[in-house]
Amino acid sequence: MSKKKERDLSATQQELASFPSAAGKDDPALDPFEINFRPEFQSDRGPRAPFVNDSGVVIGDHQYESPESPLSQWTEDTDPAIMAGSQWVHPYKDIGFLTSENRDYFEQGIPPQGGIFMHPDKNAASGIGAHDEGESRSNEK
């Protein structure tokens, strides 16, 4: 792993560790929804117990709806970026871990196939940043 990735991973782990544990009786060691990570994916992941993020939402309790969540208060004025970042993802109990591709990778070490979400004949790039700063967008059709 590169030094930059190690620093980024460490910063994410520190951020997650800064959130308070959520109240409750859940024993993270007995969680039936948690996958069995290979040893190389277990170290330095972050907290195993549910935690409360900056928005007051409990992450990792398998209750995917919360009145405090921006998803429960979504309007057309809500910036989707509010839901971005590691504070919205539990390091052990994210729902994405339950996909067959992720289970194969994290439990058996089988890397996912490349390109499964790519369109071979379509450019799905957003185009953001594709224009020069001096170029006017008013000429676009």
N, C-alpha and C. Protein backbone atom coordinates (compact mmCIF):
# COMPACT_ATOMS: atom_id res chain seq x y z
N MET A 1 0.86 -1.18 0.00
CA MET A 1 0.00 0.00 0.00
C MET A 1 0.90 1.24 0.00
N SER A 2 0.54 2.23 -0.80
CA SER A 2 1.35 3.44 -0.89
C SER A 2 1.24 4.25 0.40
N LYS A 3 2.24 5.08 0.61
CA LYS A 3 2.26 5.93 1.83
C LYS A 3 1.05 6.86 1.84
N LYS A 4 0.66 7.41 0.65
CA LYS A 4 -0.49 8.31 0.60
C LYS A 4 -1.76 7.57 0.99
N LYS A 5 -1.95 6.35 0.48
CA LYS A 5 -3.14 5.57 0.84
C LYS A 5 -3.15 5.27 2.32
N GLU A 6 -1.97 4.95 2.88
CA GLU A 6 -1.89 4.68 4.32
C GLU A 6 -2.28 5.91 5.12
N ARG A 7 -1.81 7.11 4.70
CA ARG A 7 -2.16 8.34 5.41
C ARG A 7 -3.66 8.61 5.30
N ASP A 8 -4.22 8.44 4.08
CA ASP A 8 -5.66 8.67 3.88
C ASP A 8 -6.48 7.70 4.71
N LEU A 9 -6.08 6.42 4.73
CA LEU A 9 -6.78 5.41 5.51
C LEU A 9 -6.70 5.74 6.99
N SER A 10 -5.52 6.16 7.44
CA SER A 10 -5.35 6.52 8.85
C SER A 10 -6.23 7.71 9.22
N ALA A 11 -6.32 8.70 8.35
CA ALA A 11 -7.16 9.87 8.63
C ALA A 11 -8.62 9.46 8.72
N THR A 12 -9.07 8.57 7.85
CA THR A 12 -10.45 8.09 7.89
C THR A 12 -10.71 7.34 9.19
N GLN A 13 -9.78 6.50 9.60
CA GLN A 13 -9.93 5.74 10.83
C GLN A 13 -9.99 6.68 12.03
N GLN A 14 -9.15 7.72 12.03
CA GLN A 14 -9.18 8.69 13.13
C GLN A 14 -10.52 9.42 13.16
N GLU A 15 -11.02 9.78 11.98
CA GLU A 15 -12.31 10.48 11.91
C GLU A 15 -13.41 9.59 12.48
N LEU A 16 -13.45 8.32 12.08
CA LEU A 16 -14.47 7.41 12.59
C LEU A 16 -14.34 7.20 14.08
N ALA A 17 -13.12 7.12 14.57
CA ALA A 17 -12.89 6.90 16.00
C ALA A 17 -13.35 8.09 16.83
N SER A 18 -13.45 9.27 16.20
CA SER A 18 -13.85 10.47 16.94
C SER A 18 -15.34 10.52 17.23
N PHE A 19 -16.15 9.69 16.53
CA PHE A 19 -17.58 9.71 16.75
C PHE A 19 -17.93 8.90 18.00
N PRO A 20 -18.92 9.33 18.77
CA PRO A 20 -19.30 8.58 19.97
C PRO A 20 -20.03 7.29 19.61
N SER A 21 -19.88 6.29 20.45
CA SER A 21 -20.61 5.03 20.25
C SER A 21 -22.09 5.29 20.44
N ALA A 22 -22.89 4.55 19.71
CA ALA A 22 -24.34 4.68 19.83
C ALA A 22 -24.81 3.89 21.04
N ALA A 23 -25.83 4.40 21.70
CA ALA A 23 -26.41 3.69 22.83
C ALA A 23 -27.10 2.43 22.34
N GLY A 24 -27.08 1.41 23.12
CA GLY A 24 -27.75 0.17 22.73
C GLY A 24 -27.06 -1.03 23.33
N LYS A 25 -27.67 -2.18 23.12
CA LYS A 25 -27.15 -3.40 23.70
C LYS A 25 -26.49 -4.30 22.67
N ASP A 26 -26.32 -3.80 21.43
CA ASP A 26 -25.73 -4.63 20.39
C ASP A 26 -24.30 -5.00 20.73
N ASP A 27 -23.99 -6.28 20.63
CA ASP A 27 -22.63 -6.75 20.78
C ASP A 27 -22.08 -6.92 19.37
N PRO A 28 -21.14 -6.06 18.95
CA PRO A 28 -20.63 -6.13 17.58
C PRO A 28 -20.05 -7.50 17.23
N ALA A 29 -19.56 -8.23 18.21
CA ALA A 29 -18.97 -9.54 17.93
C ALA A 29 -20.04 -10.56 17.53
N LEU A 30 -21.31 -10.29 17.84
CA LEU A 30 -22.38 -11.23 17.54
C LEU A 30 -23.26 -10.79 16.38
N ASP A 31 -22.81 -9.84 15.63
CA ASP A 31 -23.63 -9.26 14.57
C ASP A 31 -23.80 -10.24 13.41
N PRO A 32 -25.03 -10.71 13.13
CA PRO A 32 -25.23 -11.67 12.05
C PRO A 32 -25.09 -11.07 10.66
N PHE A 33 -25.12 -9.74 10.55
CA PHE A 33 -25.02 -9.09 9.25
C PHE A 33 -23.59 -8.74 8.88
N GLU A 34 -22.69 -8.84 9.82
CA GLU A 34 -21.29 -8.50 9.55
C GLU A 34 -20.62 -9.65 8.81
N ILE A 35 -19.90 -9.33 7.76
CA ILE A 35 -19.23 -10.39 7.02
C ILE A 35 -17.94 -10.79 7.72
N ASN A 36 -17.38 -11.92 7.35
CA ASN A 36 -16.16 -12.43 7.96
C ASN A 36 -14.96 -11.94 7.16
N PHE A 37 -14.44 -10.78 7.53
CA PHE A 37 -13.31 -10.19 6.82
C PHE A 37 -12.06 -11.06 6.97
N ARG A 38 -11.30 -11.17 5.88
CA ARG A 38 -9.99 -11.81 5.96
C ARG A 38 -9.12 -10.96 6.87
N PRO A 39 -8.10 -11.55 7.49
CA PRO A 39 -7.25 -10.81 8.44
C PRO A 39 -6.68 -9.51 7.86
N GLU A 40 -6.29 -9.51 6.59
CA GLU A 40 -5.70 -8.30 6.02
C GLU A 40 -6.70 -7.16 5.88
N PHE A 41 -8.00 -7.45 5.97
CA PHE A 41 -9.02 -6.41 5.89
C PHE A 41 -9.60 -6.05 7.25
N GLN A 42 -9.14 -6.68 8.32
CA GLN A 42 -9.69 -6.42 9.65
C GLN A 42 -8.96 -5.33 10.40
N SER A 43 -7.66 -5.22 10.22
CA SER A 43 -6.89 -4.29 11.05
C SER A 43 -7.13 -2.85 10.63
N ASP A 44 -7.21 -1.99 11.62
CA ASP A 44 -7.31 -0.54 11.41
C ASP A 44 -8.49 -0.11 10.56
N ARG A 45 -9.62 -0.77 10.67
CA ARG A 45 -10.80 -0.40 9.88
C ARG A 45 -11.60 0.72 10.56
N GLY A 46 -11.58 0.76 11.89
CA GLY A 46 -12.41 1.72 12.60
C GLY A 46 -13.26 0.97 13.62
N PRO A 47 -14.28 1.63 14.19
CA PRO A 47 -15.07 1.01 15.24
C PRO A 47 -15.95 -0.13 14.74
N ARG A 48 -16.11 -1.15 15.55
CA ARG A 48 -17.03 -2.25 15.21
C ARG A 48 -18.44 -1.93 15.68
N ALA A 49 -18.55 -1.18 16.74
CA ALA A 49 -19.87 -0.85 17.30
C ALA A 49 -20.51 0.28 16.49
N PRO A 50 -21.84 0.37 16.50
CA PRO A 50 -22.50 1.52 15.87
C PRO A 50 -22.01 2.82 16.47
N PHE A 51 -21.98 3.88 15.66
CA PHE A 51 -21.55 5.18 16.15
C PHE A 51 -22.52 6.25 15.67
N VAL A 52 -22.47 7.41 16.30
CA VAL A 52 -23.32 8.54 15.94
C VAL A 52 -22.46 9.55 15.19
N ASN A 53 -22.84 9.87 13.94
CA ASN A 53 -22.04 10.81 13.15
C ASN A 53 -22.39 12.26 13.48
N ASP A 54 -21.75 13.19 12.77
CA ASP A 54 -21.94 14.63 13.03
C ASP A 54 -23.38 15.10 12.84
N SER A 55 -24.15 14.38 12.04
CA SER A 55 -25.54 14.76 11.80
C SER A 55 -26.49 14.14 12.82
N GLY A 56 -25.95 13.41 13.80
CA GLY A 56 -26.78 12.78 14.81
C GLY A 56 -27.42 11.48 14.35
N VAL A 57 -26.93 10.91 13.25
CA VAL A 57 -27.48 9.68 12.71
C VAL A 57 -26.64 8.50 13.20
N VAL A 58 -27.30 7.46 13.68
CA VAL A 58 -26.60 6.25 14.10
C VAL A 58 -26.22 5.46 12.85
N ILE A 59 -24.94 5.16 12.74
CA ILE A 59 -24.41 4.40 11.60
C ILE A 59 -23.99 3.03 12.11
N GLY A 60 -24.51 1.98 11.47
CA GLY A 60 -24.11 0.63 11.82
C GLY A 60 -25.08 -0.11 12.70
N ASP A 61 -26.31 0.39 12.84
CA ASP A 61 -27.29 -0.30 13.68
C ASP A 61 -28.32 -1.06 12.84
N HIS A 62 -28.15 -1.08 11.53
CA HIS A 62 -29.05 -1.76 10.59
C HIS A 62 -30.42 -1.11 10.52
N GLN A 63 -30.59 0.05 11.10
CA GLN A 63 -31.82 0.82 10.95
C GLN A 63 -31.48 1.90 9.93
N TYR A 64 -31.80 1.66 8.68
CA TYR A 64 -31.30 2.52 7.62
C TYR A 64 -32.13 3.79 7.44
N GLU A 65 -33.16 3.96 8.23
CA GLU A 65 -33.91 5.21 8.19
C GLU A 65 -33.83 5.86 9.55
N SER A 66 -33.58 7.16 9.53
CA SER A 66 -33.45 7.91 10.77
C SER A 66 -34.05 9.30 10.53
N PRO A 67 -34.83 9.81 11.47
CA PRO A 67 -35.41 11.15 11.28
C PRO A 67 -34.34 12.23 11.14
N GLU A 68 -33.13 11.99 11.69
CA GLU A 68 -32.05 12.97 11.61
C GLU A 68 -31.31 12.92 10.28
N SER A 69 -31.53 11.89 9.51
CA SER A 69 -30.80 11.71 8.25
C SER A 69 -31.26 12.70 7.19
N PRO A 70 -30.32 13.24 6.41
CA PRO A 70 -30.73 14.09 5.28
C PRO A 70 -31.64 13.35 4.30
N LEU A 71 -31.52 12.03 4.22
CA LEU A 71 -32.41 11.27 3.33
C LEU A 71 -33.86 11.39 3.76
N SER A 72 -34.11 11.54 5.06
CA SER A 72 -35.47 11.66 5.57
C SER A 72 -36.00 13.08 5.43
N GLN A 73 -35.13 14.02 5.12
CA GLN A 73 -35.52 15.43 5.01
C GLN A 73 -35.19 15.99 3.64
N TRP A 74 -35.06 15.11 2.64
CA TRP A 74 -34.58 15.49 1.32
C TRP A 74 -35.56 16.42 0.60
N THR A 75 -35.02 17.46 -0.01
CA THR A 75 -35.80 18.33 -0.89
C THR A 75 -34.96 18.54 -2.15
N GLU A 76 -35.54 19.23 -3.13
CA GLU A 76 -34.75 19.48 -4.33
C GLU A 76 -33.63 20.48 -4.07
N ASP A 77 -33.63 21.13 -2.92
CA ASP A 77 -32.56 22.06 -2.56
C ASP A 77 -31.43 21.38 -1.79
N THR A 78 -31.58 20.10 -1.44
CA THR A 78 -30.56 19.40 -0.67
C THR A 78 -29.37 19.07 -1.57
N ASP A 79 -28.19 19.41 -1.10
CA ASP A 79 -26.96 19.09 -1.84
C ASP A 79 -26.59 17.64 -1.52
N PRO A 80 -26.52 16.77 -2.52
CA PRO A 80 -26.19 15.36 -2.26
C PRO A 80 -24.84 15.17 -1.57
N ALA A 81 -23.95 16.14 -1.68
CA ALA A 81 -22.63 16.03 -1.05
C ALA A 81 -22.74 15.93 0.47
N ILE A 82 -23.87 16.33 1.03
CA ILE A 82 -24.05 16.25 2.49
C ILE A 82 -23.97 14.80 2.97
N MET A 83 -24.26 13.85 2.07
CA MET A 83 -24.23 12.43 2.44
C MET A 83 -22.92 11.75 2.02
N ALA A 84 -21.92 12.52 1.62
CA ALA A 84 -20.65 11.95 1.19
C ALA A 84 -19.67 11.87 2.36
N GLY A 85 -18.78 10.92 2.31
CA GLY A 85 -17.72 10.83 3.29
C GLY A 85 -17.84 9.61 4.19
N SER A 86 -16.76 9.34 4.88
CA SER A 86 -16.69 8.13 5.70
C SER A 86 -17.64 8.16 6.89
N GLN A 87 -18.12 9.34 7.29
CA GLN A 87 -19.03 9.38 8.44
C GLN A 87 -20.37 8.74 8.13
N TRP A 88 -20.65 8.42 6.87
CA TRP A 88 -21.90 7.78 6.48
C TRP A 88 -21.75 6.29 6.22
N VAL A 89 -20.54 5.77 6.35
CA VAL A 89 -20.27 4.37 6.04
C VAL A 89 -19.67 3.68 7.27
N HIS A 90 -20.28 2.59 7.68
CA HIS A 90 -19.72 1.83 8.80
C HIS A 90 -18.61 0.93 8.27
N PRO A 91 -17.46 0.90 8.94
CA PRO A 91 -16.33 0.13 8.42
C PRO A 91 -16.52 -1.38 8.44
N TYR A 92 -17.51 -1.87 9.17
CA TYR A 92 -17.76 -3.32 9.23
C TYR A 92 -19.16 -3.70 8.80
N LYS A 93 -20.11 -2.77 8.84
CA LYS A 93 -21.52 -3.12 8.65
C LYS A 93 -22.18 -2.37 7.51
N ASP A 94 -21.42 -1.92 6.55
CA ASP A 94 -22.02 -1.23 5.42
C ASP A 94 -22.81 -2.21 4.58
N ILE A 95 -23.98 -1.79 4.13
CA ILE A 95 -24.85 -2.68 3.37
C ILE A 95 -24.18 -3.16 2.08
N GLY A 96 -23.25 -2.38 1.55
CA GLY A 96 -22.54 -2.77 0.34
C GLY A 96 -21.65 -3.99 0.51
N PHE A 97 -21.27 -4.30 1.75
CA PHE A 97 -20.44 -5.47 1.99
C PHE A 97 -21.20 -6.76 1.71
N LEU A 98 -22.53 -6.70 1.68
CA LEU A 98 -23.31 -7.91 1.52
C LEU A 98 -23.48 -8.34 0.06
N THR A 99 -22.99 -7.55 -0.89
CA THR A 99 -23.07 -7.98 -2.29
C THR A 99 -22.13 -9.16 -2.51
N SER A 100 -22.44 -10.00 -3.47
CA SER A 100 -21.61 -11.18 -3.71
C SER A 100 -20.18 -10.80 -4.10
N GLU A 101 -20.01 -9.71 -4.87
CA GLU A 101 -18.66 -9.29 -5.27
C GLU A 101 -17.84 -8.87 -4.06
N ASN A 102 -18.46 -8.09 -3.16
CA ASN A 102 -17.72 -7.64 -1.98
C ASN A 102 -17.46 -8.79 -1.01
N ARG A 103 -18.40 -9.70 -0.86
CA ARG A 103 -18.16 -10.86 0.01
C ARG A 103 -17.01 -11.69 -0.53
N ASP A 104 -16.99 -11.93 -1.85
CA ASP A 104 -15.89 -12.68 -2.45
C ASP A 104 -14.55 -12.01 -2.17
N TYR A 105 -14.53 -10.69 -2.30
CA TYR A 105 -13.27 -9.95 -2.11
C TYR A 105 -12.84 -9.95 -0.64
N PHE A 106 -13.73 -9.51 0.26
CA PHE A 106 -13.35 -9.34 1.65
C PHE A 106 -13.27 -10.64 2.44
N GLU A 107 -14.01 -11.67 2.03
CA GLU A 107 -13.97 -12.94 2.76
C GLU A 107 -13.03 -13.96 2.14
N GLN A 108 -12.90 -13.93 0.80
CA GLN A 108 -12.09 -14.94 0.13
C GLN A 108 -10.88 -14.38 -0.60
N GLY A 109 -10.78 -13.06 -0.71
CA GLY A 109 -9.65 -12.45 -1.39
C GLY A 109 -9.74 -12.46 -2.90
N ILE A 110 -10.93 -12.71 -3.46
CA ILE A 110 -11.13 -12.73 -4.91
C ILE A 110 -11.45 -11.32 -5.37
N PRO A 111 -10.56 -10.67 -6.12
CA PRO A 111 -10.83 -9.29 -6.54
C PRO A 111 -12.01 -9.21 -7.50
N PRO A 112 -12.76 -8.10 -7.46
CA PRO A 112 -13.90 -7.95 -8.36
C PRO A 112 -13.44 -7.86 -9.82
N GLN A 113 -14.32 -8.26 -10.72
CA GLN A 113 -14.02 -8.16 -12.15
C GLN A 113 -13.96 -6.69 -12.54
N GLY A 114 -13.01 -6.34 -13.36
CA GLY A 114 -12.91 -4.97 -13.84
C GLY A 114 -13.97 -4.67 -14.87
N GLY A 115 -14.49 -3.47 -14.83
CA GLY A 115 -15.39 -3.01 -15.86
C GLY A 115 -16.82 -3.48 -15.78
N ILE A 116 -17.26 -4.07 -14.66
CA ILE A 116 -18.63 -4.58 -14.63
C ILE A 116 -19.68 -3.48 -14.65
N PHE A 117 -19.29 -2.26 -14.31
CA PHE A 117 -20.25 -1.16 -14.32
C PHE A 117 -19.95 -0.17 -15.44
N MET A 118 -19.18 -0.61 -16.41
CA MET A 118 -18.80 0.29 -17.50
C MET A 118 -19.63 0.00 -18.74
N HIS A 119 -19.84 1.04 -19.53
CA HIS A 119 -20.54 0.91 -20.80
C HIS A 119 -19.48 0.93 -21.90
N PRO A 120 -19.25 -0.17 -22.59
CA PRO A 120 -18.17 -0.19 -23.57
C PRO A 120 -18.37 0.77 -24.74
N ASP A 121 -19.60 1.14 -25.03
CA ASP A 121 -19.82 2.03 -26.17
C ASP A 121 -20.43 3.38 -25.77
N LYS A 122 -20.48 3.68 -24.46
CA LYS A 122 -21.06 4.94 -23.99
C LYS A 122 -20.06 5.62 -23.05
N ASN A 123 -19.95 6.94 -23.17
CA ASN A 123 -19.12 7.71 -22.25
C ASN A 123 -20.04 8.22 -21.14
N ALA A 124 -19.89 7.67 -19.95
CA ALA A 124 -20.76 8.05 -18.83
C ALA A 124 -20.12 9.11 -17.95
N ALA A 125 -19.00 9.69 -18.40
CA ALA A 125 -18.34 10.73 -17.61
C ALA A 125 -19.23 11.96 -17.54
N SER A 126 -19.13 12.67 -16.42
CA SER A 126 -20.02 13.81 -16.21
C SER A 126 -19.65 15.01 -17.07
N GLY A 127 -18.40 15.12 -17.46
CA GLY A 127 -17.97 16.28 -18.24
C GLY A 127 -17.57 17.46 -17.38
N ILE A 128 -17.68 17.33 -16.07
CA ILE A 128 -17.27 18.41 -15.18
C ILE A 128 -15.77 18.60 -15.33
N GLY A 129 -15.36 19.82 -15.49
CA GLY A 129 -13.94 20.12 -15.65
C GLY A 129 -13.44 19.91 -17.06
N ALA A 130 -14.30 19.56 -17.99
CA ALA A 130 -13.87 19.30 -19.35
C ALA A 130 -13.64 20.59 -20.14
N HIS A 131 -14.16 21.71 -19.65
CA HIS A 131 -14.05 22.98 -20.36
C HIS A 131 -12.89 23.80 -19.81
N ASP A 132 -12.25 24.53 -20.70
CA ASP A 132 -11.23 25.47 -20.25
C ASP A 132 -11.93 26.58 -19.49
N GLU A 133 -11.22 27.16 -18.51
CA GLU A 133 -11.84 28.21 -17.70
C GLU A 133 -12.26 29.40 -18.54
N GLY A 134 -11.51 29.73 -19.59
CA GLY A 134 -11.83 30.88 -20.42
C GLY A 134 -12.90 30.61 -21.44
N GLU A 135 -13.24 29.36 -21.66
CA GLU A 135 -14.22 29.00 -22.68
C GLU A 135 -15.63 29.27 -22.17
N SER A 136 -16.44 29.86 -22.99
CA SER A 136 -17.82 30.14 -22.62
C SER A 136 -18.68 28.90 -22.81
N ARG A 137 -19.51 28.60 -21.85
CA ARG A 137 -20.41 27.47 -21.95
C ARG A 137 -21.69 27.84 -22.71
N SER A 138 -21.84 29.11 -23.04
CA SER A 138 -23.06 29.53 -23.74
C SER A 138 -23.10 28.99 -25.17
N ASN A 139 -21.97 28.54 -25.69
CA ASN A 139 -21.92 28.00 -27.05
C ASN A 139 -22.29 26.53 -27.10
N GLU A 140 -22.52 25.91 -25.94
CA GLU A 140 -22.85 24.49 -25.92
C GLU A 140 -24.24 24.26 -26.47
N LYS A 141 -24.43 23.12 -27.09
CA LYS A 141 -25.76 22.78 -27.62
C LYS A 141 -26.30 21.60 -26.90
